[in-house]
């Protein structure tokens, strides 16, 4: 099945685009034309409380904003009623500069101001934009030219923006079945998941950008190797293993063409196949030799490989992948606390999981309830008799009057479980 993720949303009649010169105190901003990284404020969705707020936005380069007319003060007469004392905040700029990133925490990550069905469209467009950049970079690699890392700045910044609005959108895209652009989709997905986990760990702004770039480029060496080996999904021969393990050496050669390539980014890239027990490659690094960002990339790269059957093994469903990673952590190959965070982040029933309900109906998890991650939102594809529905429907199990519950994951080893191929959600990009 080709799963058409939610239709594009029309702008609410209460939302209005304005220029920065039209912005005044009391308005409630919901979107700006700059990335969150460049914003002087922690969140784009906020009330303008002082003239200084407007000044800071102008300095940051904001030209166009979207305001919510229902939430903010838009009438000049109403504006005059605002307490004049709130119009001046001389310490605002320095306070924001030093405190913005420190405020990022799990509570912000779990915010869902923007509905998933709205954010998913932004995420799709971001992925398409990233693909165009990736193609341009591949041409430079083929011609042995330096990689202009600045080209990725906007992609990384916009990804962080999306994760702050609703982290489930990009995580939904990463779980879709892939048919093309496998290397790009892997790199983009690893970036999305790595940044999500890093934000949860309160990683500072500058390190988020380093991690994002490392995740996008970590497998760039594959551009010079046979891509049929990248997703072989079968055991490698000894000769194939030697070929595959060259991709990091090749990546090092590629990025060294740019003498200004960030050393911190290269460091993390070169570590993504290491394991904390020393069994990884190329350096056989152990424990404290691997920093936090390296371990985040190691884990998220491993997870995406497992789910999509990359390298030398067939793909696993998300829940089995998480179970596999937990066992690896018990063998001291991965950081156990980070694996635990990943499990909490994705939930017991990760997005796109195919599940059977106690009613006998079968469907796909399309959204996780923030307050009750064990009780997700499911799109029902098959009725209790096993017949495909002409019109699938969505139920929020938290609010379900019939008190349905998830009974188990769908067992795809049974050929009759999904005769219409409705439970495999595919990437349409």
Protein backbone atom coordinates (compact mmCIF):
# COMPACT_ATOMS: atom_id res chain seq x y z
CA UNK A 1 0.00 0.00 0.00
CA UNK A 2 1.16 3.54 -0.67
CA UNK A 3 0.18 5.42 2.46
CA UNK A 4 -0.81 9.01 1.70
CA UNK A 5 0.03 10.78 4.96
CA UNK A 6 -2.54 13.39 5.97
CA UNK A 7 -3.70 15.92 3.38
CA UNK A 8 -2.33 19.42 3.31
CA UNK A 9 -4.03 21.75 5.78
CA UNK A 10 -5.47 25.09 4.81
CA UNK A 11 -4.47 27.99 6.99
CA UNK A 12 -7.04 28.73 9.69
CA UNK A 13 -9.06 31.90 9.20
CA UNK A 14 -7.69 33.06 12.55
CA UNK A 15 -4.12 32.98 11.22
CA UNK A 16 -2.67 35.92 9.32
CA UNK A 17 0.69 36.54 7.68
CA UNK A 18 2.17 39.96 8.45
CA UNK A 19 5.48 41.76 7.89
CA UNK A 20 7.83 42.44 10.78
CA UNK A 21 6.94 46.13 10.52
CA UNK A 22 3.29 45.30 11.29
CA UNK A 23 4.19 43.35 14.42
CA UNK A 24 3.30 45.00 17.72
CA UNK A 25 3.06 44.20 21.40
CA UNK A 26 0.24 41.84 22.29
CA UNK A 27 0.23 39.84 19.06
CA UNK A 28 0.59 36.06 19.33
CA UNK A 29 3.15 34.68 16.87
CA UNK A 30 2.84 31.08 15.66
CA UNK A 31 5.44 30.98 12.90
CA UNK A 32 8.45 32.95 11.60
CA UNK A 33 10.45 32.83 8.39
CA UNK A 34 13.70 31.92 10.17
CA UNK A 35 14.87 28.75 11.84
CA UNK A 36 14.52 28.19 15.59
CA UNK A 37 18.33 28.10 15.81
CA UNK A 38 18.52 31.72 14.61
CA UNK A 39 15.57 32.89 16.68
CA UNK A 40 16.23 34.99 19.79
CA UNK A 41 13.48 33.03 21.56
CA UNK A 42 13.20 29.43 22.65
CA UNK A 43 9.87 28.91 20.88
CA UNK A 44 8.33 30.48 17.79
CA UNK A 45 4.84 30.31 19.31
CA UNK A 46 4.73 33.18 21.78
CA UNK A 47 3.06 36.43 22.68
CA UNK A 48 5.01 39.59 21.89
CA UNK A 49 5.33 41.15 25.34
CA UNK A 50 7.60 44.11 24.73
CA UNK A 51 8.99 46.42 22.07
CA UNK A 52 12.33 44.81 22.76
CA UNK A 53 10.89 41.49 21.49
CA UNK A 54 10.20 43.14 18.13
CA UNK A 55 13.70 44.67 18.03
CA UNK A 56 15.30 41.26 18.70
CA UNK A 57 13.27 39.64 15.92
CA UNK A 58 14.33 42.32 13.45
CA UNK A 59 17.98 41.81 14.43
CA UNK A 60 17.55 38.07 13.86
CA UNK A 61 16.45 38.73 10.28
CA UNK A 62 12.73 38.02 10.56
CA UNK A 63 10.77 39.47 7.64
CA UNK A 64 7.42 37.61 7.65
CA UNK A 65 5.47 36.15 10.58
CA UNK A 66 2.18 34.34 11.07
CA UNK A 67 0.03 35.56 13.97
CA UNK A 68 -3.04 34.02 15.60
CA UNK A 69 -5.78 36.68 15.72
CA UNK A 70 -7.78 34.71 18.28
CA UNK A 71 -4.98 34.47 20.83
CA UNK A 72 -3.28 37.84 20.65
CA UNK A 73 -4.11 41.54 20.83
CA UNK A 74 -4.51 42.82 17.27
CA UNK A 75 -6.50 45.99 17.84
CA UNK A 76 -4.53 49.19 18.45
CA UNK A 77 -7.00 50.34 21.12
CA UNK A 78 -6.64 47.05 22.97
CA UNK A 79 -2.90 47.34 22.69
CA UNK A 80 -2.96 50.57 24.68
CA UNK A 81 -4.38 48.69 27.65
CA UNK A 82 -1.22 46.60 27.99
CA UNK A 83 0.83 47.50 31.03
CA UNK A 84 3.52 49.96 29.91
CA UNK A 85 5.92 48.43 32.36
CA UNK A 86 6.08 45.32 30.21
CA UNK A 87 7.27 47.23 27.17
CA UNK A 88 10.85 47.56 28.33
CA UNK A 89 13.07 44.64 29.26
CA UNK A 90 16.72 45.74 29.11
CA UNK A 91 18.03 42.33 30.23
CA UNK A 92 16.02 40.38 27.68
CA UNK A 93 18.71 39.88 25.05
CA UNK A 94 21.45 38.64 27.35
CA UNK A 95 19.03 36.44 29.28
CA UNK A 96 17.80 34.78 26.09
CA UNK A 97 21.31 34.32 24.71
CA UNK A 98 22.55 32.47 27.79
CA UNK A 99 19.42 30.58 28.74
CA UNK A 100 17.76 29.48 25.50
CA UNK A 101 19.32 26.07 25.10
CA UNK A 102 19.42 25.30 28.80
CA UNK A 103 15.61 25.39 28.79
CA UNK A 104 15.32 22.61 26.23
CA UNK A 105 14.15 19.52 28.09
CA UNK A 106 11.91 16.52 27.80
CA UNK A 107 8.83 18.61 28.54
CA UNK A 108 9.47 20.72 25.44
CA UNK A 109 10.13 17.61 23.40
CA UNK A 110 6.73 16.27 24.38
CA UNK A 111 4.94 19.47 23.42
CA UNK A 112 2.48 19.06 20.61
CA UNK A 113 1.34 22.59 19.80
CA UNK A 114 1.14 21.68 16.12
CA UNK A 115 -1.03 18.65 15.23
CA UNK A 116 0.79 15.75 13.58
CA UNK A 117 -1.43 15.91 10.49
CA UNK A 118 -0.25 19.51 9.97
CA UNK A 119 3.42 19.02 10.79
CA UNK A 120 3.74 15.91 8.62
CA UNK A 121 3.39 18.04 5.52
CA UNK A 122 6.24 20.32 6.60
CA UNK A 123 8.32 17.23 7.34
CA UNK A 124 7.68 15.82 3.86
CA UNK A 125 8.71 19.10 2.24
CA UNK A 126 11.83 19.26 4.42
CA UNK A 127 12.81 15.75 3.33
CA UNK A 128 12.32 16.70 -0.32
CA UNK A 129 14.48 19.79 0.16
CA UNK A 130 17.17 17.72 1.89
CA UNK A 131 17.14 15.22 -0.99
CA UNK A 132 17.93 17.99 -3.47
CA UNK A 133 20.90 19.10 -1.36
CA UNK A 134 22.03 15.49 -1.02
CA UNK A 135 21.96 15.01 -4.81
CA UNK A 136 24.07 18.12 -5.31
CA UNK A 137 26.58 16.89 -2.75
CA UNK A 138 26.79 13.49 -4.48
CA UNK A 139 27.69 15.21 -7.76
CA UNK A 140 30.53 17.03 -5.98
CA UNK A 141 31.69 13.75 -4.43
CA UNK A 142 31.70 12.04 -7.83
CA UNK A 143 33.82 14.89 -9.20
CA UNK A 144 36.14 14.76 -6.17
CA UNK A 145 35.21 18.28 -5.08
CA UNK A 146 35.03 19.52 -1.45
CA UNK A 147 31.66 19.26 0.34
CA UNK A 148 30.22 22.71 1.19
CA UNK A 149 28.86 21.84 4.62
CA UNK A 150 26.99 25.16 4.84
CA UNK A 151 24.54 23.68 2.33
CA UNK A 152 23.17 21.51 5.13
CA UNK A 153 22.67 24.30 7.68
CA UNK A 154 19.10 25.07 6.65
CA UNK A 155 18.15 21.38 6.58
CA UNK A 156 19.46 20.81 10.10
CA UNK A 157 17.88 24.00 11.45
CA UNK A 158 14.51 23.20 9.89
CA UNK A 159 14.66 19.65 11.23
CA UNK A 160 15.13 21.00 14.75
CA UNK A 161 12.22 23.37 14.16
CA UNK A 162 10.02 20.47 13.11
CA UNK A 163 11.02 18.36 16.09
CA UNK A 164 10.18 21.23 18.43
CA UNK A 165 6.72 21.68 16.87
CA UNK A 166 5.85 17.97 16.86
CA UNK A 167 8.59 15.36 17.04
CA UNK A 168 6.38 12.58 15.70
CA UNK A 169 6.29 13.92 12.13
CA UNK A 170 9.93 13.24 11.21
CA UNK A 171 9.88 10.00 13.22
CA UNK A 172 6.90 8.85 11.17
CA UNK A 173 8.81 9.41 7.93
CA UNK A 174 11.77 7.40 9.20
CA UNK A 175 9.61 4.31 9.69
CA UNK A 176 8.12 4.24 6.18
CA UNK A 177 9.12 1.37 3.91
CA UNK A 178 11.71 2.52 1.35
CA UNK A 179 11.92 1.73 -2.34
CA UNK A 180 14.38 4.33 -3.60
CA UNK A 181 17.02 6.80 -2.42
CA UNK A 182 17.84 4.27 0.31
CA UNK A 183 21.16 5.84 1.33
CA UNK A 184 19.66 9.32 1.55
CA UNK A 185 16.57 8.12 3.45
CA UNK A 186 18.81 6.32 5.93
CA UNK A 187 20.99 9.39 6.51
CA UNK A 188 18.00 11.73 6.83
CA UNK A 189 16.24 9.36 9.25
CA UNK A 190 19.32 8.91 11.40
CA UNK A 191 19.66 12.69 11.59
CA UNK A 192 16.00 13.02 12.66
CA UNK A 193 16.23 10.39 15.38
CA UNK A 194 19.68 11.49 16.59
CA UNK A 195 18.54 15.10 16.98
CA UNK A 196 15.38 13.97 18.79
CA UNK A 197 17.41 11.95 21.28
CA UNK A 198 19.95 14.76 21.66
CA UNK A 199 17.26 17.34 22.42
CA UNK A 200 15.85 14.99 25.03
CA UNK A 201 19.34 14.89 26.55
CA UNK A 202 19.52 18.72 26.59
CA UNK A 203 22.44 18.83 24.17
CA UNK A 204 23.52 22.48 23.55
CA UNK A 205 22.76 24.26 20.28
CA UNK A 206 26.25 24.12 18.80
CA UNK A 207 26.49 20.38 19.49
CA UNK A 208 23.06 19.76 17.93
CA UNK A 209 24.35 21.23 14.67
CA UNK A 210 27.54 19.13 14.88
CA UNK A 211 25.52 15.96 15.48
CA UNK A 212 23.04 16.78 12.72
CA UNK A 213 25.78 17.23 10.15
CA UNK A 214 27.61 14.08 11.27
CA UNK A 215 24.39 12.08 10.98
CA UNK A 216 23.63 13.38 7.47
CA UNK A 217 27.15 12.60 6.22
CA UNK A 218 28.08 9.52 8.27
CA UNK A 219 27.64 7.14 5.32
CA UNK A 220 28.89 9.45 2.57
CA UNK A 221 31.65 6.92 1.84
CA UNK A 222 29.02 4.59 0.39
CA UNK A 223 28.80 6.95 -2.60
CA UNK A 224 31.95 5.22 -3.90
CA UNK A 225 30.87 1.63 -3.10
CA UNK A 226 28.39 -0.83 -4.67
CA UNK A 227 25.02 0.21 -3.22
CA UNK A 228 23.63 -3.29 -3.66
CA UNK A 229 25.71 -4.14 -0.58
CA UNK A 230 24.22 -1.27 1.43
CA UNK A 231 20.86 -3.00 1.77
CA UNK A 232 21.80 -6.57 0.91
CA UNK A 233 19.78 -7.94 3.88
CA UNK A 234 21.79 -11.17 3.72
CA UNK A 235 25.00 -12.28 5.36
CA UNK A 236 28.12 -10.73 3.84
CA UNK A 237 30.96 -12.84 2.50
CA UNK A 238 34.43 -12.20 3.96
CA UNK A 239 35.35 -10.20 0.87
CA UNK A 240 32.15 -8.15 1.09
CA UNK A 241 32.86 -7.32 4.73
CA UNK A 242 36.25 -5.90 3.71
CA UNK A 243 34.58 -3.80 1.01
CA UNK A 244 31.82 -2.53 3.32
CA UNK A 245 34.24 -1.52 6.07
CA UNK A 246 36.06 0.75 3.62
CA UNK A 247 33.16 3.23 3.61
CA UNK A 248 34.51 5.13 6.61
CA UNK A 249 38.01 5.39 5.14
CA UNK A 250 36.46 6.67 1.92
CA UNK A 251 34.33 9.15 3.89
CA UNK A 252 37.47 10.45 5.57
CA UNK A 253 39.11 11.04 2.17
CA UNK A 254 35.98 12.81 0.88
CA UNK A 255 35.62 15.24 3.78
CA UNK A 256 39.37 15.92 3.99
CA UNK A 257 39.11 17.66 0.61
CA UNK A 258 37.68 20.57 2.56
CA UNK A 259 40.49 21.79 4.82
CA UNK A 260 37.92 23.64 6.92
CA UNK A 261 35.66 20.63 7.52
CA UNK A 262 34.77 20.63 11.26
CA UNK A 263 36.98 18.19 13.13
CA UNK A 264 34.26 17.50 15.70
CA UNK A 265 31.90 16.36 12.94
CA UNK A 266 34.51 14.05 11.42
CA UNK A 267 35.25 12.57 14.86
CA UNK A 268 31.61 11.55 15.37
CA UNK A 269 31.25 10.27 11.79
CA UNK A 270 34.26 7.99 12.14
CA UNK A 271 32.84 6.46 15.36
CA UNK A 272 29.42 5.35 14.16
CA UNK A 273 30.36 1.64 13.90
CA UNK A 274 32.21 1.50 17.21
CA UNK A 275 30.79 -0.40 20.21
CA UNK A 276 31.54 0.37 23.85
CA UNK A 277 32.92 -3.15 24.47
CA UNK A 278 35.61 -2.55 21.84
CA UNK A 279 34.10 -4.91 19.26
CA UNK A 280 33.35 -2.20 16.69
CA UNK A 281 35.42 -0.69 13.91
CA UNK A 282 37.59 0.98 12.70
CA UNK A 283 39.31 1.83 15.98
CA UNK A 284 37.97 -0.76 18.43
CA UNK A 285 37.23 2.08 20.85
CA UNK A 286 35.85 1.34 24.32
CA UNK A 287 33.69 2.98 26.97
CA UNK A 288 34.90 6.47 27.85
CA UNK A 289 36.75 6.73 24.53
CA UNK A 290 33.30 7.30 22.97
CA UNK A 291 31.62 10.62 23.76
CA UNK A 292 27.89 11.28 24.14
CA UNK A 293 27.30 12.46 20.58
CA UNK A 294 29.16 9.48 19.11
CA UNK A 295 27.07 7.10 21.18
CA UNK A 296 23.85 8.80 20.04
CA UNK A 297 24.88 8.38 16.39
CA UNK A 298 25.95 4.77 17.00
CA UNK A 299 22.56 3.91 18.51
CA UNK A 300 20.33 5.72 16.03
CA UNK A 301 22.29 4.42 13.02
CA UNK A 302 21.98 0.88 14.41
CA UNK A 303 18.23 1.24 14.97
CA UNK A 304 17.54 2.44 11.42
CA UNK A 305 19.70 -0.35 10.00
CA UNK A 306 17.68 -2.93 11.94
CA UNK A 307 14.27 -1.56 10.96
CA UNK A 308 15.05 -1.26 7.25
CA UNK A 309 17.18 -4.34 6.72
CA UNK A 310 20.34 -2.45 5.84
CA UNK A 311 23.75 -4.09 5.79
CA UNK A 312 23.71 -7.87 6.17
CA UNK A 313 20.42 -8.72 7.85
CA UNK A 314 16.72 -8.62 6.96
CA UNK A 315 14.60 -5.88 8.49
CA UNK A 316 12.82 -6.17 11.83
CA UNK A 317 9.62 -4.50 12.97
CA UNK A 318 10.31 -1.50 15.26
CA UNK A 319 9.46 -3.32 18.50
CA UNK A 320 11.79 -6.23 17.64
CA UNK A 321 14.52 -3.74 16.74
CA UNK A 322 14.22 -2.09 20.14
CA UNK A 323 14.30 -5.48 21.84
CA UNK A 324 17.45 -6.38 19.87
CA UNK A 325 19.14 -3.12 20.90
CA UNK A 326 18.27 -3.72 24.54
CA UNK A 327 19.97 -7.13 24.37
CA UNK A 328 23.00 -5.48 22.76
CA UNK A 329 23.10 -3.01 25.65
CA UNK A 330 23.03 -5.90 28.13
CA UNK A 331 26.09 -7.28 26.33
CA UNK A 332 27.76 -3.88 26.98
CA UNK A 333 27.86 -3.03 23.28
CA UNK A 334 25.63 0.05 23.61
CA UNK A 335 24.94 2.60 26.35
CA UNK A 336 22.05 1.05 28.27
CA UNK A 337 20.62 4.37 29.49
CA UNK A 338 20.47 5.68 25.92
CA UNK A 339 18.71 2.54 24.72
CA UNK A 340 16.19 3.03 27.54
CA UNK A 341 15.64 6.61 26.41
CA UNK A 342 15.12 5.47 22.83
CA UNK A 343 12.50 2.94 23.92
CA UNK A 344 10.67 5.63 25.93
CA UNK A 345 10.95 8.03 23.02
CA UNK A 346 9.51 5.68 20.40
CA UNK A 347 7.06 3.96 22.74
CA UNK A 348 6.21 0.30 23.14
CA UNK A 349 4.24 0.59 19.91
CA UNK A 350 6.41 2.77 17.62
CA UNK A 351 4.85 4.73 14.77
CA UNK A 352 3.86 2.55 11.77
CA UNK A 353 3.69 -0.62 13.92
CA UNK A 354 1.11 -3.09 12.57
CA UNK A 355 -1.08 -4.28 15.43
CA UNK A 356 -4.07 -6.53 16.12
CA UNK A 357 -6.70 -5.31 18.58
CA UNK A 358 -8.72 -7.32 21.09
CA UNK A 359 -11.67 -6.87 18.71
CA UNK A 360 -9.82 -8.83 16.02
CA UNK A 361 -9.39 -5.72 13.88
CA UNK A 362 -5.94 -4.96 12.45
CA UNK A 363 -4.37 -1.60 11.79
CA UNK A 364 -1.33 0.66 11.95
CA UNK A 365 -0.15 2.96 14.76
CA UNK A 366 -0.18 6.44 13.26
CA UNK A 367 0.31 8.59 16.36
CA UNK A 368 1.43 8.20 19.96
CA UNK A 369 -0.63 9.74 22.76
CA UNK A 370 1.78 11.95 24.70
CA UNK A 371 0.22 11.29 28.10
CA UNK A 372 -0.42 7.58 27.50
CA UNK A 373 2.19 6.18 25.10
CA UNK A 374 0.99 2.61 25.69
CA UNK A 375 -2.42 3.53 24.23
CA UNK A 376 -1.78 4.98 20.75
CA UNK A 377 -3.92 6.20 17.87
CA UNK A 378 -4.52 3.48 15.28
CA UNK A 379 -5.80 3.48 11.69
CA UNK A 380 -7.96 0.35 11.24
CA UNK A 381 -7.41 -1.42 7.89
CA UNK A 382 -9.09 -4.82 8.45
CA UNK A 383 -12.33 -5.64 10.29
CA UNK A 384 -12.68 -8.41 12.86
CA UNK A 385 -13.41 -10.95 10.08
CA UNK A 386 -10.10 -10.18 8.38
CA UNK A 387 -11.69 -8.32 5.48
CA UNK A 388 -10.04 -5.17 4.14
CA UNK A 389 -12.07 -2.04 4.80
CA UNK A 390 -13.14 0.06 1.83
CA UNK A 391 -12.86 3.07 4.11
CA UNK A 392 -10.24 2.67 6.83
CA UNK A 393 -10.94 4.69 9.96
CA UNK A 394 -8.91 6.14 12.80
CA UNK A 395 -9.52 5.48 16.49
CA UNK A 396 -7.85 6.99 19.53
CA UNK A 397 -7.71 4.03 21.90
CA UNK A 398 -7.71 6.38 24.89
CA UNK A 399 -11.16 7.68 23.90
CA UNK A 400 -12.54 4.50 22.32
CA UNK A 401 -16.05 3.78 23.59
CA UNK A 402 -15.70 0.10 22.71
CA UNK A 403 -12.65 -0.15 24.99
CA UNK A 404 -10.50 -1.83 22.34
CA UNK A 405 -6.92 -2.61 23.34
CA UNK A 406 -3.84 -3.74 21.47
CA UNK A 407 -3.61 -7.51 21.70
CA UNK A 408 -0.32 -8.09 19.87
CA UNK A 409 1.89 -7.05 16.99
CA UNK A 410 0.91 -8.47 13.62
CA UNK A 411 2.88 -11.60 12.74
CA UNK A 412 3.91 -11.16 9.10
CA UNK A 413 5.20 -14.75 8.93
CA UNK A 414 1.55 -15.67 8.35
CA UNK A 415 0.92 -15.10 4.63
CA UNK A 416 -2.79 -14.46 5.24
CA UNK A 417 -2.37 -11.74 7.83
CA UNK A 418 -2.22 -8.87 5.33
CA UNK A 419 -3.57 -10.09 1.96
CA UNK A 420 -4.05 -6.56 0.58
CA UNK A 421 -0.66 -5.22 1.78
CA UNK A 422 -2.38 -2.51 3.80
CA UNK A 423 -0.28 -2.81 6.93
CA UNK A 424 3.07 -1.94 5.34
CA UNK A 425 3.36 1.83 5.17
CA UNK A 426 5.54 2.99 2.31
CA UNK A 427 7.54 6.09 1.55
CA UNK A 428 6.02 8.03 -1.34
CA UNK A 429 8.88 10.54 -1.68
